[in-house]
């Protein structure tokens, strides 16, 4: 007999920014942080612009009108699937290890 697991979508319920970090509180209680360097528009925004965000899609993402930035919860939970990370220092640990292994195999 097959059973289907109900898919539960995790939503954003709150967000804040420091000068270098975006922090998002999720509906399941998790708190996810990412460097603002991943989001150049937010990095270049003023503190007031960063503080002026709104939920989109009932919490599937966040929107900053003043800087035209949209960030989905999915991209925060799985950045390797969504973000073009500028260098290996900013990539999630799994990506960093594979990039390091590739350099070693090339003799770099």
C-alpha atoms as a PDB file:
ATOM      1  CA  UNK A   1       0.000   0.000   0.000  1.00  0.00           C
ATOM      2  CA  UNK A   2       1.366   3.403  -0.955  1.00  0.00           C
ATOM      3  CA  UNK A   3       1.080   6.372   1.319  1.00  0.00           C
ATOM      4  CA  UNK A   4       1.662   9.960   0.421  1.00  0.00           C
ATOM      5  CA  UNK A   5       3.510  12.185   2.811  1.00  0.00           C
ATOM      6  CA  UNK A   6       1.879  15.569   3.049  1.00  0.00           C
ATOM      7  CA  UNK A   7       4.236  18.294   1.908  1.00  0.00           C
ATOM      8  CA  UNK A   8       4.514  21.044   4.472  1.00  0.00           C
ATOM      9  CA  UNK A   9       5.697  24.347   3.108  1.00  0.00           C
ATOM     10  CA  UNK A  10       7.899  26.363   5.423  1.00  0.00           C
ATOM     11  CA  UNK A  11       7.153  30.071   5.302  1.00  0.00           C
ATOM     12  CA  UNK A  12       8.959  33.199   6.411  1.00  0.00           C
ATOM     13  CA  UNK A  13       7.372  35.006   9.350  1.00  0.00           C
ATOM     14  CA  UNK A  14      10.007  37.633  10.186  1.00  0.00           C
ATOM     15  CA  UNK A  15      13.240  39.070   8.831  1.00  0.00           C
ATOM     16  CA  UNK A  16      15.996  41.443   9.817  1.00  0.00           C
ATOM     17  CA  UNK A  17      19.292  42.654   8.444  1.00  0.00           C
ATOM     18  CA  UNK A  18      22.525  43.751  10.032  1.00  0.00           C
ATOM     19  CA  UNK A  19      25.255  45.455   8.043  1.00  0.00           C
ATOM     20  CA  UNK A  20      26.405  42.070   6.731  1.00  0.00           C
ATOM     21  CA  UNK A  21      23.727  39.424   7.444  1.00  0.00           C
ATOM     22  CA  UNK A  22      20.133  38.645   6.462  1.00  0.00           C
ATOM     23  CA  UNK A  23      18.280  36.661   9.139  1.00  0.00           C
ATOM     24  CA  UNK A  24      14.874  35.099   8.458  1.00  0.00           C
ATOM     25  CA  UNK A  25      12.630  33.390  11.011  1.00  0.00           C
ATOM     26  CA  UNK A  26      10.595  30.529   9.546  1.00  0.00           C
ATOM     27  CA  UNK A  27       7.138  29.266  10.471  1.00  0.00           C
ATOM     28  CA  UNK A  28       8.576  26.023  11.879  1.00  0.00           C
ATOM     29  CA  UNK A  29      10.792  27.942  14.338  1.00  0.00           C
ATOM     30  CA  UNK A  30      14.062  27.731  12.431  1.00  0.00           C
ATOM     31  CA  UNK A  31      16.149  30.840  11.957  1.00  0.00           C
ATOM     32  CA  UNK A  32      18.148  31.030   8.732  1.00  0.00           C
ATOM     33  CA  UNK A  33      20.968  33.501   8.126  1.00  0.00           C
ATOM     34  CA  UNK A  34      22.853  34.345   4.966  1.00  0.00           C
ATOM     35  CA  UNK A  35      25.564  36.883   4.206  1.00  0.00           C
ATOM     36  CA  UNK A  36      24.306  40.058   2.561  1.00  0.00           C
ATOM     37  CA  UNK A  37      27.126  39.606   0.056  1.00  0.00           C
ATOM     38  CA  UNK A  38      24.853  36.999  -1.554  1.00  0.00           C
ATOM     39  CA  UNK A  39      22.342  39.797  -2.202  1.00  0.00           C
ATOM     40  CA  UNK A  40      24.218  42.832  -3.586  1.00  0.00           C
ATOM     41  CA  UNK A  41      21.110  45.030  -3.685  1.00  0.00           C
ATOM     42  CA  UNK A  42      20.575  44.527   0.043  1.00  0.00           C
ATOM     43  CA  UNK A  43      24.276  44.908   0.742  1.00  0.00           C
ATOM     44  CA  UNK A  44      24.232  48.312  -0.970  1.00  0.00           C
ATOM     45  CA  UNK A  45      20.915  49.358   0.620  1.00  0.00           C
ATOM     46  CA  UNK A  46      20.609  51.734   3.558  1.00  0.00           C
ATOM     47  CA  UNK A  47      19.594  50.335   6.955  1.00  0.00           C
ATOM     48  CA  UNK A  48      16.188  51.964   6.478  1.00  0.00           C
ATOM     49  CA  UNK A  49      15.722  50.284   3.088  1.00  0.00           C
ATOM     50  CA  UNK A  50      16.752  46.906   4.518  1.00  0.00           C
ATOM     51  CA  UNK A  51      14.233  47.275   7.344  1.00  0.00           C
ATOM     52  CA  UNK A  52      11.391  48.001   4.912  1.00  0.00           C
ATOM     53  CA  UNK A  53      10.514  44.490   3.696  1.00  0.00           C
ATOM     54  CA  UNK A  54       7.248  42.642   3.163  1.00  0.00           C
ATOM     55  CA  UNK A  55       6.194  39.009   2.907  1.00  0.00           C
ATOM     56  CA  UNK A  56       5.240  37.809  -0.555  1.00  0.00           C
ATOM     57  CA  UNK A  57       3.111  34.806  -1.438  1.00  0.00           C
ATOM     58  CA  UNK A  58       1.937  34.398   2.135  1.00  0.00           C
ATOM     59  CA  UNK A  59       5.530  33.970   3.308  1.00  0.00           C
ATOM     60  CA  UNK A  60       7.155  31.975   0.492  1.00  0.00           C
ATOM     61  CA  UNK A  61       9.508  34.903   0.130  1.00  0.00           C
ATOM     62  CA  UNK A  62      10.447  38.449   1.054  1.00  0.00           C
ATOM     63  CA  UNK A  63      10.368  41.637  -1.003  1.00  0.00           C
ATOM     64  CA  UNK A  64      12.229  44.929  -0.594  1.00  0.00           C
ATOM     65  CA  UNK A  65      10.439  47.499  -2.766  1.00  0.00           C
ATOM     66  CA  UNK A  66      13.051  50.261  -2.439  1.00  0.00           C
ATOM     67  CA  UNK A  67      15.843  48.081  -3.847  1.00  0.00           C
ATOM     68  CA  UNK A  68      13.732  45.760  -6.049  1.00  0.00           C
ATOM     69  CA  UNK A  69      14.896  42.597  -4.270  1.00  0.00           C
ATOM     70  CA  UNK A  70      12.949  39.350  -3.877  1.00  0.00           C
ATOM     71  CA  UNK A  71      14.316  36.395  -1.902  1.00  0.00           C
ATOM     72  CA  UNK A  72      12.515  33.068  -1.573  1.00  0.00           C
ATOM     73  CA  UNK A  73      12.625  30.853   1.501  1.00  0.00           C
ATOM     74  CA  UNK A  74      13.607  27.988  -0.800  1.00  0.00           C
ATOM     75  CA  UNK A  75      16.708  29.878  -1.930  1.00  0.00           C
ATOM     76  CA  UNK A  76      17.731  30.464   1.682  1.00  0.00           C
ATOM     77  CA  UNK A  77      17.273  26.797   2.587  1.00  0.00           C
ATOM     78  CA  UNK A  78      19.036  25.496  -0.538  1.00  0.00           C
ATOM     79  CA  UNK A  79      21.303  28.256  -1.890  1.00  0.00           C
ATOM     80  CA  UNK A  80      23.246  25.802  -4.028  1.00  0.00           C
ATOM     81  CA  UNK A  81      20.111  25.361  -6.166  1.00  0.00           C
ATOM     82  CA  UNK A  82      19.369  29.054  -6.625  1.00  0.00           C
ATOM     83  CA  UNK A  83      22.287  31.383  -6.023  1.00  0.00           C
ATOM     84  CA  UNK A  84      25.284  32.121  -8.159  1.00  0.00           C
ATOM     85  CA  UNK A  85      27.746  32.444  -5.356  1.00  0.00           C
ATOM     86  CA  UNK A  86      30.637  34.707  -6.324  1.00  0.00           C
ATOM     87  CA  UNK A  87      33.488  32.699  -4.861  1.00  0.00           C
ATOM     88  CA  UNK A  88      34.265  29.527  -2.932  1.00  0.00           C
ATOM     89  CA  UNK A  89      34.515  31.286   0.448  1.00  0.00           C
ATOM     90  CA  UNK A  90      30.831  32.177   0.210  1.00  0.00           C
ATOM     91  CA  UNK A  91      29.608  28.818  -1.038  1.00  0.00           C
ATOM     92  CA  UNK A  92      27.946  26.306   1.291  1.00  0.00           C
ATOM     93  CA  UNK A  93      30.473  23.830   2.805  1.00  0.00           C
ATOM     94  CA  UNK A  94      29.599  20.992   0.389  1.00  0.00           C
ATOM     95  CA  UNK A  95      30.344  23.192  -2.628  1.00  0.00           C
ATOM     96  CA  UNK A  96      33.564  24.481  -1.039  1.00  0.00           C
ATOM     97  CA  UNK A  97      34.874  20.947  -0.559  1.00  0.00           C
ATOM     98  CA  UNK A  98      34.153  19.949  -4.157  1.00  0.00           C
ATOM     99  CA  UNK A  99      35.738  23.173  -5.474  1.00  0.00           C
ATOM    100  CA  UNK A 100      38.812  22.526  -3.327  1.00  0.00           C
ATOM    101  CA  UNK A 101      39.031  18.920  -4.563  1.00  0.00           C
ATOM    102  CA  UNK A 102      38.777  20.112  -8.182  1.00  0.00           C
ATOM    103  CA  UNK A 103      41.664  22.553  -7.672  1.00  0.00           C
ATOM    104  CA  UNK A 104      43.812  19.824  -6.110  1.00  0.00           C
ATOM    105  CA  UNK A 105      43.111  17.438  -8.979  1.00  0.00           C
ATOM    106  CA  UNK A 106      44.188  20.146 -11.478  1.00  0.00           C
ATOM    107  CA  UNK A 107      47.321  20.745  -9.518  1.00  0.00           C
ATOM    108  CA  UNK A 108      46.207  24.180  -8.292  1.00  0.00           C
END
